[in-house]
Protein backbone atom coordinates (compact mmCIF):
# COMPACT_ATOMS: atom_id res chain seq x y z
CA UNK A 1 -31.74 -34.07 -31.91
CA UNK A 2 -28.11 -32.24 -31.92
CA UNK A 3 -27.69 -28.61 -31.76
CA UNK A 4 -25.51 -26.62 -34.23
CA UNK A 5 -22.00 -26.96 -34.47
CA UNK A 6 -20.54 -26.03 -31.19
CA UNK A 7 -17.07 -25.36 -32.82
CA UNK A 8 -18.35 -22.96 -35.35
CA UNK A 9 -20.33 -21.32 -32.54
CA UNK A 10 -17.36 -21.20 -30.22
CA UNK A 11 -15.14 -19.84 -32.96
CA UNK A 12 -16.98 -16.67 -33.13
CA UNK A 13 -15.33 -13.83 -31.06
CA UNK A 14 -18.50 -11.89 -30.90
CA UNK A 15 -21.17 -13.48 -28.64
CA UNK A 16 -24.14 -11.85 -30.26
CA UNK A 17 -22.94 -13.32 -33.82
CA UNK A 18 -22.22 -16.61 -32.21
CA UNK A 19 -25.78 -16.55 -31.03
CA UNK A 20 -27.14 -15.84 -34.15
CA UNK A 21 -25.26 -18.59 -35.79
CA UNK A 22 -26.62 -21.00 -32.95
CA UNK A 23 -30.16 -19.62 -33.50
CA UNK A 24 -30.21 -20.16 -37.46
CA UNK A 25 -28.84 -23.81 -36.76
CA UNK A 26 -31.56 -24.53 -34.16
CA UNK A 27 -34.30 -23.06 -36.36
CA UNK A 28 -33.15 -25.41 -39.13
CA UNK A 29 -33.17 -28.38 -37.05
CA UNK A 30 -36.61 -27.63 -35.47
CA UNK A 31 -37.77 -27.53 -39.03
CA UNK A 32 -36.05 -30.31 -40.64
CA UNK A 33 -34.89 -32.80 -38.28
CA UNK A 34 -36.52 -36.38 -38.21
CA UNK A 35 -36.29 -36.20 -34.40
CA UNK A 36 -37.67 -32.81 -34.26
CA UNK A 37 -40.43 -32.54 -31.59
CA UNK A 38 -42.49 -29.88 -33.63
CA UNK A 39 -45.30 -31.81 -34.91
CA UNK A 40 -46.29 -29.64 -37.90
CA UNK A 41 -43.02 -28.80 -39.64
CA UNK A 42 -44.52 -27.48 -42.86
CA UNK A 43 -45.86 -24.20 -41.33
CA UNK A 44 -43.56 -23.86 -38.38
CA UNK A 45 -41.63 -20.36 -38.27
CA UNK A 46 -39.20 -21.02 -35.58
CA UNK A 47 -39.40 -20.23 -31.92
CA UNK A 48 -39.71 -16.57 -30.67
CA UNK A 49 -36.23 -15.35 -29.48
CA UNK A 50 -35.88 -12.59 -26.91
CA UNK A 51 -33.18 -9.88 -27.96
CA UNK A 52 -29.59 -10.76 -27.29
CA UNK A 53 -28.33 -8.96 -23.94
CA UNK A 54 -24.63 -9.14 -23.34
CA UNK A 55 -25.04 -8.77 -19.48
CA UNK A 56 -26.52 -12.23 -19.43
CA UNK A 57 -23.31 -13.81 -20.35
CA UNK A 58 -21.17 -15.26 -17.57
CA UNK A 59 -17.88 -16.84 -17.21
CA UNK A 60 -18.00 -18.31 -13.83
CA UNK A 61 -16.14 -20.77 -11.62
CA UNK A 62 -18.22 -23.77 -10.56
CA UNK A 63 -18.35 -24.16 -6.99
CA UNK A 64 -17.62 -27.68 -6.43
CA UNK A 65 -17.71 -27.92 -2.33
CA UNK A 66 -21.26 -29.09 -2.49
CA UNK A 67 -23.08 -31.95 -1.14
CA UNK A 68 -23.36 -34.87 -3.67
CA UNK A 69 -26.89 -35.00 -4.65
CA UNK A 70 -28.64 -37.62 -7.04
CA UNK A 71 -31.62 -36.57 -9.20
CA UNK A 72 -33.70 -39.27 -11.25
CA UNK A 73 -36.11 -38.14 -13.68
CA UNK A 74 -38.52 -40.88 -14.87
CA UNK A 75 -38.95 -41.10 -18.51
CA UNK A 76 -41.74 -42.57 -20.81
CA UNK A 77 -39.16 -43.92 -23.21
CA UNK A 78 -35.80 -44.21 -21.56
CA UNK A 79 -36.43 -45.33 -18.31
CA UNK A 80 -35.24 -43.35 -15.38
CA UNK A 81 -32.43 -40.55 -16.32
CA UNK A 82 -29.97 -40.21 -13.46
CA UNK A 83 -28.10 -37.10 -12.71
CA UNK A 84 -25.51 -36.22 -10.22
CA UNK A 85 -24.72 -32.64 -8.89
CA UNK A 86 -21.12 -31.63 -9.64
CA UNK A 87 -21.39 -28.16 -8.45
CA UNK A 88 -23.30 -24.54 -8.28
CA UNK A 89 -22.66 -21.82 -10.74
CA UNK A 90 -23.34 -18.33 -9.06
CA UNK A 91 -24.72 -15.90 -11.72
CA UNK A 92 -24.42 -12.26 -10.34
CA UNK A 93 -27.59 -10.45 -10.50
CA UNK A 94 -29.53 -13.71 -11.42
CA UNK A 95 -29.14 -16.47 -8.74
CA UNK A 96 -27.45 -19.84 -8.23
CA UNK A 97 -27.98 -22.82 -10.89
CA UNK A 98 -26.99 -26.40 -9.99
CA UNK A 99 -24.86 -27.92 -12.61
CA UNK A 100 -25.59 -31.51 -13.16
CA UNK A 101 -23.72 -34.45 -14.75
CA UNK A 102 -26.05 -36.91 -16.80
CA UNK A 103 -25.07 -40.33 -15.82
CA UNK A 104 -26.58 -42.15 -18.81
CA UNK A 105 -26.48 -41.99 -22.65
CA UNK A 106 -23.89 -39.50 -23.94
CA UNK A 107 -23.18 -38.20 -20.40
CA UNK A 108 -22.19 -34.49 -20.08
CA UNK A 109 -23.12 -31.30 -18.21
CA UNK A 110 -26.85 -30.23 -17.81
CA UNK A 111 -27.95 -27.03 -16.50
CA UNK A 112 -31.67 -26.25 -16.62
CA UNK A 113 -33.05 -22.92 -15.58
CA UNK A 114 -36.62 -21.70 -14.80
CA UNK A 115 -37.00 -18.00 -14.50
CA UNK A 116 -39.84 -15.64 -13.24
CA UNK A 117 -41.44 -15.50 -16.56
CA UNK A 118 -42.01 -19.30 -16.52
CA UNK A 119 -45.49 -20.04 -17.73
CA UNK A 120 -46.10 -16.54 -18.99
CA UNK A 121 -43.26 -15.58 -21.46
CA UNK A 122 -41.10 -18.87 -21.09
CA UNK A 123 -41.90 -22.36 -21.13
CA UNK A 124 -43.54 -23.21 -17.69
CA UNK A 125 -41.20 -26.10 -16.85
CA UNK A 126 -38.19 -24.15 -17.63
CA UNK A 127 -35.49 -24.07 -20.26
CA UNK A 128 -32.21 -25.81 -21.01
CA UNK A 129 -28.89 -23.60 -20.60
CA UNK A 130 -26.50 -26.42 -21.19
CA UNK A 131 -27.05 -29.92 -22.37
CA UNK A 132 -23.60 -31.17 -23.54
CA UNK A 133 -25.13 -34.26 -25.12
CA UNK A 134 -26.91 -31.97 -27.43
CA UNK A 135 -24.05 -29.51 -27.95
CA UNK A 136 -25.35 -26.58 -26.36
CA UNK A 137 -21.78 -26.14 -24.36
CA UNK A 138 -20.23 -22.95 -25.16
CA UNK A 139 -16.94 -23.83 -23.23
CA UNK A 140 -14.81 -23.50 -20.06
CA UNK A 141 -12.34 -25.78 -18.48
CA UNK A 142 -13.80 -28.50 -16.47
CA UNK A 143 -10.63 -29.53 -14.81
CA UNK A 144 -10.29 -26.10 -13.54
CA UNK A 145 -14.27 -25.85 -12.90
CA UNK A 146 -14.83 -23.10 -15.10
CA UNK A 147 -17.68 -22.47 -17.46
CA UNK A 148 -19.37 -20.14 -20.04
CA UNK A 149 -22.96 -19.67 -19.38
CA UNK A 150 -24.80 -17.23 -21.76
CA UNK A 151 -28.50 -17.22 -20.84
CA UNK A 152 -29.15 -15.91 -24.26
CA UNK A 153 -28.67 -19.53 -25.44
CA UNK A 154 -31.53 -21.02 -23.42
CA UNK A 155 -33.71 -22.92 -25.26
CA UNK A 156 -36.96 -25.02 -24.63
CA UNK A 157 -36.94 -28.74 -24.10
CA UNK A 158 -38.77 -30.94 -26.44
CA UNK A 159 -41.64 -31.46 -24.20
CA UNK A 160 -42.37 -27.82 -24.87
CA UNK A 161 -43.24 -28.51 -28.37
CA UNK A 162 -44.91 -31.91 -28.07
CA UNK A 163 -46.68 -33.77 -25.25
CA UNK A 164 -45.18 -37.05 -26.69
CA UNK A 165 -41.78 -36.15 -25.32
CA UNK A 166 -40.67 -36.52 -21.62
CA UNK A 167 -38.01 -34.10 -20.35
CA UNK A 168 -36.16 -33.41 -17.22
CA UNK A 169 -37.48 -30.23 -15.96
CA UNK A 170 -35.62 -27.48 -13.92
CA UNK A 171 -35.80 -28.65 -10.14
CA UNK A 172 -36.39 -25.92 -7.61
CA UNK A 173 -32.34 -25.64 -7.43
CA UNK A 174 -32.48 -24.30 -10.89
CA UNK A 175 -35.25 -21.94 -10.42
CA UNK A 176 -34.07 -18.14 -10.23
CA UNK A 177 -36.35 -15.23 -9.13
CA UNK A 178 -35.48 -12.84 -12.05
CA UNK A 179 -37.14 -12.48 -15.47
CA UNK A 180 -34.89 -13.77 -18.32
CA UNK A 181 -36.68 -12.40 -21.69
CA UNK A 182 -33.80 -14.03 -23.79
CA UNK A 183 -33.32 -17.23 -25.62
CA UNK A 184 -36.19 -19.31 -26.78
CA UNK A 185 -39.46 -17.89 -25.53
CA UNK A 186 -42.74 -19.99 -25.33
CA UNK A 187 -43.08 -21.86 -28.33
CA UNK A 188 -45.38 -20.71 -31.11
CA UNK A 189 -48.41 -22.99 -31.62
């Protein structure tokens, strides 16, 4: 399932407006796309979304001077999903997040995050901040090691909506000690 047009979202100069466009597109996909993990789409009203907070948007330089780590996630349908750590993003007032490269189908960056609200107000296994194979990349310059990370765009993995899905969940290195009441919150039944 692909997320709303990255090009249209990136073209918006106002991040809060870009978020609104993204949310509208994501809601539509969850309700109508054949690969949506939402099981009863006829009554689905969309995910609960936290209020946009400009202080949770960061333009960062990825620290690429890190030990190479391989992370393999077993999947029920796709075999083992391999990732390689390509760097660490330091988010002031939030914490550090490992930045991963997906080594299989589609490739691209992957940045999951699990916050202090996990299991209470956000999905217990964490959420996705960037999954470029699905189009949630807000930009940056990978050759220069820069990335835009907007925690307001965090969204639930498919397994949050249905136990039939297997998802890579945030490892310990992508767990932060702060509450992030933004983005998609715990899915509605």
